[in-house]
Protein backbone atom coordinates (compact mmCIF):
# COMPACT_ATOMS: atom_id res chain seq x y z
CA MET A 1 6.92 14.83 36.21
CA LYS A 2 3.65 14.88 33.69
CA ILE A 3 3.69 13.30 30.78
CA LYS A 4 0.84 13.72 28.14
CA LEU A 5 1.06 10.51 25.16
CA ILE A 6 -0.74 10.85 21.88
CA TYR A 7 -1.47 8.73 19.73
CA PRO A 8 -2.61 11.06 16.47
CA LYS A 9 -5.95 10.16 14.64
CA TRP A 10 -5.91 9.04 10.92
CA PRO A 11 -7.63 8.62 7.69
CA LYS A 12 -10.08 5.36 7.91
CA LEU A 13 -10.25 2.87 4.61
CA LYS A 14 -13.54 3.87 3.57
CA ASN A 15 -14.32 0.23 2.21
CA GLN A 16 -13.25 -1.14 5.78
CA PRO A 17 -15.72 -1.88 8.59
CA GLU A 18 -15.48 0.98 11.07
CA PHE A 19 -13.86 0.15 14.46
CA ASN A 20 -10.85 1.10 16.53
CA LEU A 21 -8.29 -1.20 17.98
CA PRO A 22 -6.56 -0.02 20.95
CA PRO A 23 -2.89 0.97 19.79
CA HIS A 24 -0.04 -1.30 20.73
CA GLY A 25 2.44 1.10 20.45
CA PRO A 26 1.59 3.61 23.13
CA VAL A 27 1.06 0.87 25.85
CA CYS A 28 4.36 -0.55 25.21
CA PHE A 29 5.89 2.54 25.47
CA ALA A 30 4.37 3.29 28.77
CA ALA A 31 5.96 0.03 30.38
CA THR A 32 9.35 1.73 29.85
CA LEU A 33 8.60 5.04 32.05
CA PRO A 34 9.59 4.91 35.38
CA PRO A 35 6.70 4.56 38.08
CA ASP A 36 7.06 8.06 39.39
CA VAL A 37 5.79 9.06 35.95
CA GLU A 38 2.10 10.76 35.98
CA LEU A 39 1.11 9.52 32.56
CA SER A 40 -2.26 10.70 30.80
CA PHE A 41 -3.22 9.12 27.62
CA CYS A 42 -4.86 10.50 24.34
CA ASP A 43 -6.19 8.20 21.24
CA GLU A 44 -7.48 10.61 19.12
CA ASN A 45 -8.99 8.00 17.14
CA VAL A 46 -11.64 7.66 19.81
CA GLU A 47 -11.75 10.90 21.56
CA ALA A 48 -11.04 14.35 20.97
CA LEU A 49 -7.61 16.09 22.14
CA ASP A 50 -8.02 18.68 24.73
CA PHE A 51 -4.99 20.92 24.56
CA SER A 52 -5.74 22.58 28.19
CA ASP A 53 -4.89 19.12 29.82
CA GLY A 54 -1.22 19.25 29.00
CA GLY A 55 1.73 18.10 30.91
CA ASP A 56 5.79 18.85 31.25
CA LEU A 57 6.77 16.57 28.40
CA ILE A 58 4.50 15.71 25.39
CA CYS A 59 5.20 12.30 23.59
CA LEU A 60 3.69 11.37 20.18
CA SER A 61 3.19 7.74 19.69
CA VAL A 62 3.14 7.64 15.75
CA MET A 63 2.83 3.92 13.89
CA LEU A 64 1.34 5.07 10.52
CA THR A 65 2.66 7.15 7.74
CA CYS A 66 -0.68 8.81 6.98
CA GLN A 67 -0.77 9.80 11.18
CA MET A 68 2.23 12.00 10.21
CA PRO A 69 0.71 15.26 8.79
CA ARG A 70 -1.93 15.14 11.90
CA ALA A 71 1.25 14.61 14.44
CA TRP A 72 2.68 17.54 13.23
CA GLU A 73 -0.15 19.42 13.61
CA ILE A 74 -0.15 18.67 17.14
CA ALA A 75 3.49 18.60 17.52
CA ASP A 76 3.46 22.20 16.28
CA LYS A 77 0.68 23.65 18.25
CA TYR A 78 2.05 22.59 21.69
CA ARG A 79 5.33 23.90 20.83
CA ALA A 80 3.73 27.46 19.92
CA MET A 81 2.51 26.94 23.44
CA GLY A 82 5.95 26.63 24.93
CA LYS A 83 5.66 22.79 25.58
CA LYS A 84 8.78 20.16 24.64
CA VAL A 85 7.55 17.43 22.14
CA ILE A 86 9.09 14.17 21.60
CA PHE A 87 8.38 11.48 18.84
CA GLY A 88 8.54 7.95 18.72
CA GLY A 89 7.29 4.97 17.14
CA ILE A 90 7.23 3.61 13.78
CA ALA A 91 6.28 6.34 11.25
CA SER A 92 8.51 8.55 13.10
CA MET A 93 11.70 6.34 12.60
CA LEU A 94 10.55 6.25 9.07
CA HIS A 95 10.16 9.65 8.80
CA HIS A 96 12.26 11.03 11.16
CA GLU A 97 14.74 13.95 8.83
CA GLU A 98 11.26 15.37 8.09
CA VAL A 99 9.94 15.17 11.74
CA LEU A 100 12.62 17.17 13.25
CA ALA A 101 11.22 20.16 11.36
CA HIS A 102 8.57 19.34 13.98
CA ALA A 103 9.97 18.24 17.29
CA ASP A 104 12.30 18.85 19.94
CA SER A 105 13.67 15.54 20.19
CA VAL A 106 13.16 12.42 17.91
CA PHE A 107 13.48 8.82 19.82
CA LEU A 108 14.64 6.47 17.11
CA GLY A 109 14.42 2.41 18.11
CA GLU A 110 13.15 0.58 21.20
CA ALA A 111 12.54 2.38 24.25
CA GLU A 112 13.55 -0.38 27.04
CA GLY A 113 16.14 0.46 29.34
CA ARG A 114 16.36 3.64 27.72
CA MET A 115 13.52 6.22 28.50
CA GLU A 116 15.23 7.44 32.27
CA GLN A 117 18.09 8.75 30.45
CA VAL A 118 15.46 10.95 28.25
CA LEU A 119 13.86 12.14 30.66
CA ARG A 120 16.63 13.18 33.01
CA ASP A 121 18.39 15.01 29.73
CA PHE A 122 14.62 16.90 29.78
CA GLN A 123 14.93 17.70 33.35
CA GLU A 124 18.03 18.78 33.39
CA ASN A 125 17.47 21.00 29.53
CA LYS A 126 19.48 18.55 27.93
CA LEU A 127 16.95 16.95 25.60
CA LYS A 128 19.11 15.36 22.64
CA LYS A 129 17.43 16.43 19.44
CA THR A 130 17.97 12.88 18.09
CA TYR A 131 18.13 9.61 20.68
CA ASN A 132 19.18 6.74 17.94
CA PHE A 133 19.03 3.34 18.66
CA LEU A 134 17.85 1.70 15.35
CA HIS A 135 19.61 -1.42 15.43
CA ASP A 136 20.87 -1.24 18.57
CA PHE A 137 18.08 -3.49 20.16
CA PRO A 138 17.66 -3.88 23.89
CA ASP A 139 17.30 -7.53 25.31
CA THR A 140 13.96 -9.12 24.94
CA LYS A 141 14.19 -10.02 28.68
CA LEU A 142 13.59 -6.44 29.46
CA ILE A 143 10.11 -5.97 27.36
CA GLY A 144 7.65 -5.63 30.00
CA THR A 145 3.93 -6.38 30.22
CA ALA A 146 2.20 -3.38 28.56
CA ARG A 147 0.31 -0.75 30.45
CA ARG A 148 -3.32 -1.32 29.19
CA ASN A 149 -4.51 0.77 32.08
CA ILE A 150 -4.38 3.88 30.17
CA LEU A 151 -6.59 2.71 27.70
CA LYS A 152 -10.27 3.59 27.96
CA HIS A 153 -11.03 -0.08 26.72
CA GLU A 154 -15.24 0.78 26.36
CA LEU A 155 -13.97 2.77 23.66
CA TYR A 156 -12.89 -0.12 21.74
CA HIS A 157 -15.54 -2.04 20.36
CA PHE A 158 -17.72 -3.41 17.23
CA ARG A 159 -21.08 -2.93 17.33
CA GLY A 160 -21.29 -3.36 21.55
CA VAL A 161 -19.03 -6.16 21.07
CA GLN A 162 -15.46 -5.96 22.72
CA MET A 163 -12.59 -5.79 20.38
CA VAL A 164 -9.13 -7.51 20.60
CA ASP A 165 -6.20 -6.26 22.89
CA LEU A 166 -3.02 -6.71 21.50
CA VAL A 167 0.12 -8.22 22.63
CA HIS A 168 3.69 -9.49 21.19
CA ALA A 169 5.39 -12.23 21.62
CA SER A 170 8.38 -11.30 19.54
CA ARG A 171 10.16 -8.58 17.54
CA GLY A 172 12.05 -8.53 14.56
CA CYS A 173 11.33 -10.65 11.43
CA ARG A 174 13.56 -13.26 9.72
CA PHE A 175 11.73 -12.98 6.26
CA ASN A 176 12.45 -9.77 3.94
CA CYS A 177 9.19 -9.33 2.19
CA PHE A 178 9.45 -6.56 -0.80
CA PRO A 179 6.99 -4.14 0.78
CA CYS A 180 7.85 -4.31 4.55
CA CYS A 181 9.40 -1.78 6.61
CA THR A 182 10.79 -4.13 9.22
CA PRO A 183 14.03 -4.81 8.25
CA TYR A 184 14.77 -1.52 8.41
CA LEU A 185 13.05 -0.88 12.12
CA GLY A 186 13.29 -4.53 13.84
CA GLY A 187 16.08 -6.05 11.78
CA CYS A 188 15.94 -9.30 10.08
CA LYS A 189 16.55 -11.82 13.09
CA PHE A 190 14.22 -13.41 15.14
CA ARG A 191 14.08 -12.11 18.44
CA PRO A 192 11.57 -13.96 20.73
CA ARG A 193 10.47 -12.73 24.19
CA PRO A 194 11.10 -15.34 27.38
CA ILE A 195 7.90 -17.11 26.91
CA GLU A 196 7.35 -17.13 30.71
CA ASN A 197 7.20 -12.96 30.56
CA VAL A 198 4.96 -13.53 27.62
CA ILE A 199 2.29 -15.73 29.51
CA LYS A 200 2.61 -13.44 32.58
CA GLU A 201 1.47 -10.47 30.63
CA LEU A 202 -1.46 -12.63 28.93
CA GLU A 203 -2.62 -13.76 32.15
CA SER A 204 -2.55 -9.88 33.17
CA ILE A 205 -5.03 -9.41 30.52
CA ASP A 206 -8.83 -9.30 31.62
CA ASN A 207 -10.30 -9.58 27.84
CA SER A 208 -10.05 -13.16 26.61
CA ARG A 209 -9.54 -12.09 22.75
CA LEU A 210 -6.20 -11.33 21.92
CA PHE A 211 -4.48 -10.07 18.80
CA ILE A 212 -0.99 -11.68 18.36
CA VAL A 213 0.85 -9.00 16.18
CA ASP A 214 4.06 -10.38 15.46
CA ASN A 215 5.27 -9.95 11.99
CA SER A 216 4.89 -13.84 11.69
CA LEU A 217 4.69 -16.71 13.99
CA SER A 218 6.15 -19.13 11.85
CA GLN A 219 9.80 -18.13 12.51
CA ASP A 220 11.07 -21.01 14.56
CA ASP A 221 9.00 -24.25 14.52
CA ALA A 222 10.08 -25.32 17.98
CA TRP A 223 9.30 -21.95 19.19
CA GLU A 224 6.12 -21.90 17.80
CA LYS A 225 4.95 -24.99 19.42
CA GLU A 226 6.30 -24.40 22.95
CA LEU A 227 4.34 -20.84 22.81
CA PHE A 228 0.89 -22.69 21.92
CA ARG A 229 1.38 -25.47 24.58
CA ALA A 230 1.93 -22.56 27.02
CA ILE A 231 -0.75 -20.38 25.85
CA ALA A 232 -3.62 -23.42 25.50
CA PRO A 233 -4.24 -23.40 29.32
CA LEU A 234 -5.30 -19.70 29.85
CA LYS A 235 -8.06 -20.52 27.20
CA LYS A 236 -7.86 -17.35 25.35
CA LYS A 237 -9.06 -16.58 22.11
CA TRP A 238 -6.59 -15.07 19.72
CA VAL A 239 -5.59 -13.86 16.04
CA SER A 240 -2.41 -13.37 14.35
CA HIS A 241 -0.32 -13.04 11.39
CA PRO A 242 0.76 -16.61 9.63
CA ILE A 243 1.23 -19.55 11.63
CA LYS A 244 3.31 -22.31 9.99
CA ASP A 245 1.68 -24.80 7.81
CA ASP A 246 2.34 -28.03 9.77
CA ASP A 247 0.15 -30.58 10.78
CA GLU A 248 1.24 -30.78 14.58
CA ILE A 249 1.77 -26.91 15.05
CA LEU A 250 -1.75 -26.05 13.72
CA ASP A 251 -3.15 -28.34 15.43
CA LEU A 252 -1.21 -26.97 18.82
CA ALA A 253 -2.76 -23.62 17.25
CA VAL A 254 -6.29 -25.07 17.85
CA LYS A 255 -5.97 -26.18 21.25
CA ALA A 256 -4.50 -23.08 22.23
CA GLY A 257 -7.18 -20.73 20.85
CA CYS A 258 -6.60 -19.96 17.65
CA TRP A 259 -9.62 -18.02 16.17
CA TYR A 260 -8.49 -16.99 12.94
CA VAL A 261 -5.28 -15.89 11.10
CA TYR A 262 -4.20 -12.70 8.64
CA GLN A 263 -3.03 -14.95 5.42
CA ALA A 264 -1.34 -13.13 2.83
CA VAL A 265 -2.84 -13.81 -0.43
CA VAL A 266 -0.20 -13.53 -3.47
CA ASP A 267 -1.72 -15.57 -6.28
CA THR A 268 -4.22 -18.35 -6.98
CA SER A 269 -1.97 -21.23 -6.92
CA ASP A 270 -2.94 -24.88 -5.28
CA HIS A 271 -0.17 -23.65 -2.41
CA ILE A 272 -2.58 -20.86 -1.32
CA ARG A 273 -5.29 -23.18 -1.99
CA ARG A 274 -4.09 -25.88 0.27
CA ARG A 275 -3.28 -23.36 3.22
CA ILE A 276 -6.76 -21.66 3.21
CA LYS A 277 -8.51 -25.32 3.17
CA ARG A 278 -6.48 -26.67 5.99
CA LEU A 279 -6.78 -23.69 8.38
CA LYS A 280 -10.15 -23.51 7.97
CA GLU A 281 -10.73 -27.63 8.13
CA ARG A 282 -9.60 -26.87 11.70
CA GLY A 283 -12.05 -24.44 12.38
CA ILE A 284 -9.75 -21.54 12.26
CA GLY A 285 -11.38 -18.73 10.48
CA VAL A 286 -9.15 -16.56 7.78
CA GLU A 287 -8.83 -12.96 6.85
CA GLY A 288 -7.28 -12.72 3.39
CA THR A 289 -4.78 -9.89 3.11
CA ILE A 290 -4.61 -8.72 -0.61
CA ILE A 291 -2.31 -6.18 -2.14
CA LEU A 292 -3.11 -4.69 -5.29
CA GLY A 293 -1.28 -3.46 -8.05
CA MET A 294 2.12 -5.58 -7.74
CA ASP A 295 4.15 -5.37 -11.08
CA ASN A 296 2.86 -8.72 -12.54
CA GLN A 297 -1.15 -7.68 -12.10
CA ASP A 298 -3.43 -6.21 -14.71
CA GLU A 299 -7.26 -5.87 -14.69
CA ASP A 300 -7.68 -9.41 -15.82
CA TYR A 301 -5.30 -11.03 -13.24
CA ILE A 302 -7.52 -8.71 -10.52
CA LYS A 303 -10.67 -10.02 -11.45
CA ARG A 304 -9.47 -13.23 -11.29
CA LEU A 305 -8.02 -13.24 -8.39
CA VAL A 306 -11.12 -11.87 -6.79
CA ASP A 307 -12.84 -14.88 -8.28
CA PHE A 308 -10.20 -17.06 -6.77
CA LEU A 309 -10.98 -15.75 -3.27
CA LEU A 310 -14.69 -16.54 -3.52
CA GLU A 311 -13.89 -19.81 -4.72
CA ILE A 312 -12.12 -20.65 -1.64
CA GLU A 313 -14.19 -19.01 0.61
CA LEU A 314 -12.38 -16.61 2.57
CA ASP A 315 -14.32 -15.53 5.64
CA LEU A 316 -12.79 -12.06 5.47
CA ALA A 317 -10.55 -10.16 2.49
CA GLU A 318 -8.91 -7.20 3.10
CA PHE A 319 -7.52 -5.16 -0.03
CA THR A 320 -4.96 -2.67 -0.07
CA ILE A 321 -2.89 -1.01 -3.10
CA LEU A 322 0.64 -1.79 -2.81
CA THR A 323 2.09 1.44 -0.90
CA PRO A 324 5.70 2.40 -1.36
CA PHE A 325 6.46 2.98 2.09
CA ALA A 326 9.73 4.89 3.07
CA HIS A 327 12.68 2.40 3.75
CA THR A 328 11.12 -0.76 1.92
CA PRO A 329 12.60 -2.42 -0.87
CA ILE A 330 10.17 -1.92 -3.14
CA ARG A 331 10.39 2.47 -2.81
CA ALA A 332 13.92 1.93 -3.55
CA GLN A 333 12.93 0.11 -6.89
CA MET A 334 10.26 2.71 -7.27
CA GLU A 335 12.29 5.85 -6.65
CA GLN A 336 14.80 4.75 -9.17
CA GLU A 337 12.46 3.79 -11.67
CA GLY A 338 10.77 7.35 -11.44
CA ARG A 339 7.47 5.72 -10.61
CA ILE A 340 6.72 7.64 -7.15
CA LEU A 341 3.64 10.35 -7.71
CA HIS A 342 4.02 12.08 -4.61
CA ASN A 343 5.22 12.12 -0.95
CA ASP A 344 1.31 13.60 0.44
CA TRP A 345 1.73 11.23 3.26
CA ILE A 346 -1.93 11.22 4.46
CA ARG A 347 -2.59 9.78 1.24
CA TYR A 348 -0.54 6.84 1.99
CA THR A 349 -3.44 4.93 3.54
CA GLY A 350 -3.04 1.80 0.92
CA GLY A 351 -6.34 2.73 -0.08
CA GLU A 352 -5.18 5.13 -2.86
CA VAL A 353 -2.54 4.61 -5.61
CA VAL A 354 0.58 6.70 -5.03
CA PHE A 355 3.08 5.36 -7.84
CA LYS A 356 2.73 4.28 -11.39
CA PRO A 357 1.71 0.70 -12.28
CA ALA A 358 3.36 -1.41 -14.50
CA LYS A 359 0.45 -3.29 -16.22
CA MET A 360 -2.45 -0.29 -15.58
CA SER A 361 -2.90 3.35 -15.55
CA VAL A 362 -3.06 4.94 -12.02
CA ASP A 363 -7.27 5.34 -12.17
CA SER A 364 -7.41 1.58 -13.61
CA LEU A 365 -5.76 0.30 -10.42
CA GLN A 366 -7.88 2.33 -7.97
CA GLU A 367 -10.97 1.61 -9.95
CA MET A 368 -9.90 -2.45 -9.50
CA TYR A 369 -9.23 -1.67 -6.30
CA GLU A 370 -12.90 -0.54 -5.80
CA TYR A 371 -14.00 -3.51 -7.76
CA ALA A 372 -12.46 -6.02 -5.64
CA TRP A 373 -14.09 -4.41 -2.24
CA LYS A 374 -17.51 -4.63 -3.91
CA THR A 375 -17.03 -7.89 -5.54
CA PHE A 376 -15.65 -10.00 -2.92
CA TYR A 377 -18.69 -8.55 -0.18
CA GLY A 378 -21.66 -8.77 -3.16
CA ASP A 379 -22.95 -11.51 -1.22
CA PHE A 380 -22.97 -9.99 2.57
CA SER A 381 -21.66 -6.86 3.68
CA LYS A 382 -18.25 -6.38 5.44
CA GLU A 383 -19.75 -5.66 8.93
CA ILE A 384 -22.23 -9.04 8.41
CA LYS A 385 -19.03 -11.43 7.95
CA MET A 386 -17.09 -9.68 10.44
CA ALA A 387 -19.82 -10.47 12.38
CA LYS A 388 -19.78 -13.83 11.45
CA LEU A 389 -16.46 -14.38 12.75
CA TYR A 390 -17.14 -12.50 16.14
CA LEU A 391 -20.56 -14.81 16.87
CA LYS A 392 -18.09 -18.24 16.30
CA VAL A 393 -15.83 -17.07 18.87
CA ILE A 394 -18.31 -16.14 21.12
CA GLU A 395 -19.94 -19.08 20.90
CA LYS A 396 -16.33 -21.00 21.49
CA GLU A 397 -16.19 -18.67 24.81
CA LYS A 398 -19.59 -19.86 26.09
CA ARG A 399 -18.60 -23.50 25.68
CA ASP A 400 -15.36 -23.17 27.60
CA GLY A 401 -16.80 -20.79 30.00
CA THR A 402 -14.69 -17.40 29.35
CA TYR A 403 -17.54 -15.33 27.77
CA LYS A 404 -17.56 -11.75 29.20
CA GLU A 405 -20.21 -9.28 27.79
CA SER A 406 -18.67 -6.47 27.04
CA ALA A 407 -19.62 -3.16 29.24
CA LEU A 408 -21.17 -1.75 26.27
CA ARG A 409 -23.18 -4.03 25.17
CA ALA A 410 -24.59 -4.57 28.59
CA ARG A 411 -25.69 -1.20 28.60
CA ARG A 412 -27.51 -1.42 25.35
CA ARG A 413 -29.19 -4.59 26.17
CA ARG A 414 -30.21 -3.08 29.25
CA GLY A 415 -31.86 0.13 27.09
CA GLU A 416 -29.27 2.42 29.41
CA GLY A 417 -27.24 4.08 26.50
CA GLN A 418 -26.56 4.16 22.18
């Protein structure tokens, strides 16, 4: 059986540095397929999709809401060619009612231990319209090493520097944050993978730079300490979402190779200031993730917030506009209050106002979003600040003997390519 797996392109935020990370969902899905399946993969964000190069079954892995319109276009074209199309991934789960109009089948939930039956149904011409495993979670022991061999790694770089590979050590999240759809998708229970399986996967990744994409590593103190102790001998350099603000855990994170963290900055409190300071004192970089447009914010609040970010010397800041994605508490609230402006999903990027703000006009919030990016990066560009973080990790790699020059960078140094 031949399967064509596609990750649709999506509109990038104009204010972010231009790069592409290797997608995580498709390589995890690929690991759930039987070994006799012949798999080809296209990430439309880095290469053109060849519709003539099809398979017996077309699988669309869709992570972001703003990918959905393009995914529907692809599916419609393949179905017009007589191909069967099945959807999966986060956005497919959030929008499965709409997806049904463009798909022969929609898979909802986590795929481990379930794809053999789906493929058997397909071969017997009994493919179900919906496979619903939402909140029927497989044992995390079934989560295998992601199939990164389907990726064209040379396409994932930032100005010739090798980008991170993505990996996860757990699923689910015990936190129930108002803008997040994880409780709907992965549940509110922390579900760690066996640490020995995580280490086995990390050892299989040739890249020394990783992004641990778990919603938060600050879920269980004992588990977090055990994970960091197990990672340390590998000499990997990694990025993650928040880690626990605890002396022992922070020190273990440094020894384990923590390079920088994504830290939500929700206010200008001393708590945030102290948290950032303690990370930076240990040589851990910090990229602030800042949501603009919350109900307590007006124009003056956002200006003070940006001044605060400059004062605490964040390495990077990623500004997004509050976006009421499907199946989140904030969307339920805004729907009840009649504040949703439209459901034009391609505009649900985090860079455009799609709701009525509480203390600003729509235009004012859009202007303040642009103001935040322009002001924070007024001294050095986004690209320069990002390059500084990468220079730091390269220095660390050279000190411990793990630095590897990317193939693309080597070719450029030799003058063999652009």
